[in-house]
Amino acid sequence: MARLAIGLMSLVGVRQGGVLSPYLFSVYIDDLIKELRQSGHGIYLGRVFVGCVVYADDIVLLSASYNGLQKMVNVCSSYGMRFDIRFNPSKSQTAVFWKARFITFSLNAE
């Protein structure tokens, strides 16, 4: 049985799973990490900023307070608007390691 293959050409971004994807993401997101560090929010170990952990195309934001975390999310949202990056709220999660109460965050004005 013959099969018909249709190729799709992407005009933006990089191919999912491509060898260059993690490297280009790192270059593209580096300024966001700088902005998060300069925001004055997030966790520090001594003088080392660890409020933003990046692996592949995932970003983890760490803050000691709800307000600090919301401000970091706002930095990400603003950066995303400026550089046409969309953060997917349905793939975003929060974890609270202190008081057990329901907390909501605003991402991309949603």
C-alpha atoms as a PDB file:
ATOM      1  CA  MET A   1       0.000   0.000   0.000  1.00  0.00           C
ATOM      2  CA  ALA A   2       1.421   3.381  -0.978  1.00  0.00           C
ATOM      3  CA  ARG A   3       1.533   6.147   1.618  1.00  0.00           C
ATOM      4  CA  LEU A   4       1.423   9.849   0.994  1.00  0.00           C
ATOM      5  CA  ALA A   5       3.677  11.964   3.182  1.00  0.00           C
ATOM      6  CA  ILE A   6       3.031  15.652   3.503  1.00  0.00           C
ATOM      7  CA  GLY A   7       5.844  17.893   4.695  1.00  0.00           C
ATOM      8  CA  LEU A   8       5.133  20.992   6.731  1.00  0.00           C
ATOM      9  CA  MET A   9       7.558  23.852   6.785  1.00  0.00           C
ATOM     10  CA  SER A  10       7.835  25.973   9.910  1.00  0.00           C
ATOM     11  CA  LEU A  11       8.564  29.633   9.367  1.00  0.00           C
ATOM     12  CA  VAL A  12       9.170  30.426  13.053  1.00  0.00           C
ATOM     13  CA  GLY A  13      10.914  28.705  15.937  1.00  0.00           C
ATOM     14  CA  VAL A  14      12.862  25.499  15.760  1.00  0.00           C
ATOM     15  CA  ARG A  15      11.781  21.939  15.137  1.00  0.00           C
ATOM     16  CA  GLN A  16      10.616  20.098  18.260  1.00  0.00           C
ATOM     17  CA  GLY A  17      13.287  17.625  19.285  1.00  0.00           C
ATOM     18  CA  GLY A  18      15.858  19.295  17.037  1.00  0.00           C
ATOM     19  CA  VAL A  19      19.491  19.172  18.110  1.00  0.00           C
ATOM     20  CA  LEU A  20      19.718  22.968  18.194  1.00  0.00           C
ATOM     21  CA  SER A  21      16.463  23.509  20.133  1.00  0.00           C
ATOM     22  CA  PRO A  22      17.909  23.519  23.689  1.00  0.00           C
ATOM     23  CA  TYR A  23      20.881  25.682  22.696  1.00  0.00           C
ATOM     24  CA  LEU A  24      18.768  28.260  20.882  1.00  0.00           C
ATOM     25  CA  PHE A  25      16.268  28.313  23.737  1.00  0.00           C
ATOM     26  CA  SER A  26      19.131  29.001  26.157  1.00  0.00           C
ATOM     27  CA  VAL A  27      20.353  31.930  24.072  1.00  0.00           C
ATOM     28  CA  TYR A  28      16.819  33.253  23.599  1.00  0.00           C
ATOM     29  CA  ILE A  29      15.871  32.999  27.269  1.00  0.00           C
ATOM     30  CA  ASP A  30      19.151  34.257  28.784  1.00  0.00           C
ATOM     31  CA  ASP A  31      17.909  37.861  28.976  1.00  0.00           C
ATOM     32  CA  LEU A  32      14.786  36.695  30.824  1.00  0.00           C
ATOM     33  CA  ILE A  33      16.986  35.081  33.466  1.00  0.00           C
ATOM     34  CA  LYS A  34      18.900  38.373  33.792  1.00  0.00           C
ATOM     35  CA  GLU A  35      15.640  40.319  34.186  1.00  0.00           C
ATOM     36  CA  LEU A  36      14.406  37.899  36.839  1.00  0.00           C
ATOM     37  CA  ARG A  37      17.696  38.245  38.735  1.00  0.00           C
ATOM     38  CA  GLN A  38      17.522  42.048  38.524  1.00  0.00           C
ATOM     39  CA  SER A  39      13.862  42.140  39.637  1.00  0.00           C
ATOM     40  CA  GLY A  40      14.904  41.762  43.273  1.00  0.00           C
ATOM     41  CA  HIS A  41      12.588  38.774  43.763  1.00  0.00           C
ATOM     42  CA  GLY A  42      13.340  35.090  43.949  1.00  0.00           C
ATOM     43  CA  ILE A  43      15.559  32.889  46.053  1.00  0.00           C
ATOM     44  CA  TYR A  44      19.272  33.473  46.682  1.00  0.00           C
ATOM     45  CA  LEU A  45      21.774  31.080  48.205  1.00  0.00           C
ATOM     46  CA  GLY A  46      24.257  33.537  49.560  1.00  0.00           C
ATOM     47  CA  ARG A  47      24.954  35.778  46.582  1.00  0.00           C
ATOM     48  CA  VAL A  48      23.906  33.212  43.971  1.00  0.00           C
ATOM     49  CA  PHE A  49      20.490  33.716  42.353  1.00  0.00           C
ATOM     50  CA  VAL A  50      18.591  30.421  42.189  1.00  0.00           C
ATOM     51  CA  GLY A  51      15.122  31.927  41.723  1.00  0.00           C
ATOM     52  CA  CYS A  52      14.959  30.705  38.145  1.00  0.00           C
ATOM     53  CA  VAL A  53      15.929  27.181  37.127  1.00  0.00           C
ATOM     54  CA  VAL A  54      15.888  26.381  33.411  1.00  0.00           C
ATOM     55  CA  TYR A  55      16.083  22.928  31.846  1.00  0.00           C
ATOM     56  CA  ALA A  56      15.405  22.241  28.162  1.00  0.00           C
ATOM     57  CA  ASP A  57      12.326  24.410  27.505  1.00  0.00           C
ATOM     58  CA  ASP A  58      11.023  24.404  31.081  1.00  0.00           C
ATOM     59  CA  ILE A  59      11.358  27.243  33.581  1.00  0.00           C
ATOM     60  CA  VAL A  60      10.960  26.906  37.355  1.00  0.00           C
ATOM     61  CA  LEU A  61      10.463  30.084  39.385  1.00  0.00           C
ATOM     62  CA  LEU A  62      11.313  29.972  43.107  1.00  0.00           C
ATOM     63  CA  SER A  63      10.246  32.610  45.605  1.00  0.00           C
ATOM     64  CA  ALA A  64       9.818  32.827  49.364  1.00  0.00           C
ATOM     65  CA  SER A  65       6.489  34.677  49.008  1.00  0.00           C
ATOM     66  CA  TYR A  66       3.347  34.743  46.909  1.00  0.00           C
ATOM     67  CA  ASN A  67       3.883  38.419  46.035  1.00  0.00           C
ATOM     68  CA  GLY A  68       7.468  37.796  44.969  1.00  0.00           C
ATOM     69  CA  LEU A  69       6.417  34.890  42.783  1.00  0.00           C
ATOM     70  CA  GLN A  70       3.621  36.924  41.161  1.00  0.00           C
ATOM     71  CA  LYS A  71       6.120  39.693  40.394  1.00  0.00           C
ATOM     72  CA  MET A  72       8.440  37.117  38.801  1.00  0.00           C
ATOM     73  CA  VAL A  73       5.526  35.771  36.744  1.00  0.00           C
ATOM     74  CA  ASN A  74       4.813  39.372  35.684  1.00  0.00           C
ATOM     75  CA  VAL A  75       8.442  39.734  34.540  1.00  0.00           C
ATOM     76  CA  CYS A  76       8.058  36.561  32.453  1.00  0.00           C
ATOM     77  CA  SER A  77       4.756  37.736  31.013  1.00  0.00           C
ATOM     78  CA  SER A  78       6.192  41.146  30.068  1.00  0.00           C
ATOM     79  CA  TYR A  79       9.275  39.510  28.524  1.00  0.00           C
ATOM     80  CA  GLY A  80       7.033  37.148  26.588  1.00  0.00           C
ATOM     81  CA  MET A  81       4.993  40.018  25.154  1.00  0.00           C
ATOM     82  CA  ARG A  82       8.134  41.883  24.085  1.00  0.00           C
ATOM     83  CA  PHE A  83       9.771  38.869  22.427  1.00  0.00           C
ATOM     84  CA  ASP A  84       6.694  36.967  21.210  1.00  0.00           C
ATOM     85  CA  ILE A  85       7.057  34.084  23.661  1.00  0.00           C
ATOM     86  CA  ARG A  86       3.848  32.442  24.835  1.00  0.00           C
ATOM     87  CA  PHE A  87       3.801  30.773  28.207  1.00  0.00           C
ATOM     88  CA  ASN A  88       1.090  28.132  28.341  1.00  0.00           C
ATOM     89  CA  PRO A  89      -1.058  28.561  31.482  1.00  0.00           C
ATOM     90  CA  SER A  90      -2.507  25.049  31.093  1.00  0.00           C
ATOM     91  CA  LYS A  91       1.023  23.628  31.408  1.00  0.00           C
ATOM     92  CA  SER A  92       1.901  25.840  34.384  1.00  0.00           C
ATOM     93  CA  GLN A  93       1.846  24.533  37.952  1.00  0.00           C
ATOM     94  CA  THR A  94       2.441  25.906  41.430  1.00  0.00           C
ATOM     95  CA  ALA A  95       3.612  24.226  44.609  1.00  0.00           C
ATOM     96  CA  VAL A  96       3.396  25.815  48.041  1.00  0.00           C
ATOM     97  CA  PHE A  97       5.616  24.470  50.810  1.00  0.00           C
ATOM     98  CA  TRP A  98       4.290  26.434  53.737  1.00  0.00           C
ATOM     99  CA  LYS A  99       0.696  27.410  54.344  1.00  0.00           C
ATOM    100  CA  ALA A 100      -1.959  25.170  52.864  1.00  0.00           C
ATOM    101  CA  ARG A 101      -4.276  27.538  51.057  1.00  0.00           C
ATOM    102  CA  PHE A 102      -5.462  27.937  47.490  1.00  0.00           C
ATOM    103  CA  ILE A 103      -3.348  30.402  45.525  1.00  0.00           C
ATOM    104  CA  THR A 104      -3.894  31.650  41.992  1.00  0.00           C
ATOM    105  CA  PHE A 105      -1.458  33.451  39.718  1.00  0.00           C
ATOM    106  CA  SER A 106      -2.076  35.563  36.659  1.00  0.00           C
ATOM    107  CA  LEU A 107      -0.137  34.549  33.532  1.00  0.00           C
ATOM    108  CA  ASN A 108      -0.353  36.364  30.190  1.00  0.00           C
ATOM    109  CA  ALA A 109      -3.246  38.463  31.528  1.00  0.00           C
ATOM    110  CA  GLU A 110      -5.456  35.368  31.923  1.00  0.00           C
END
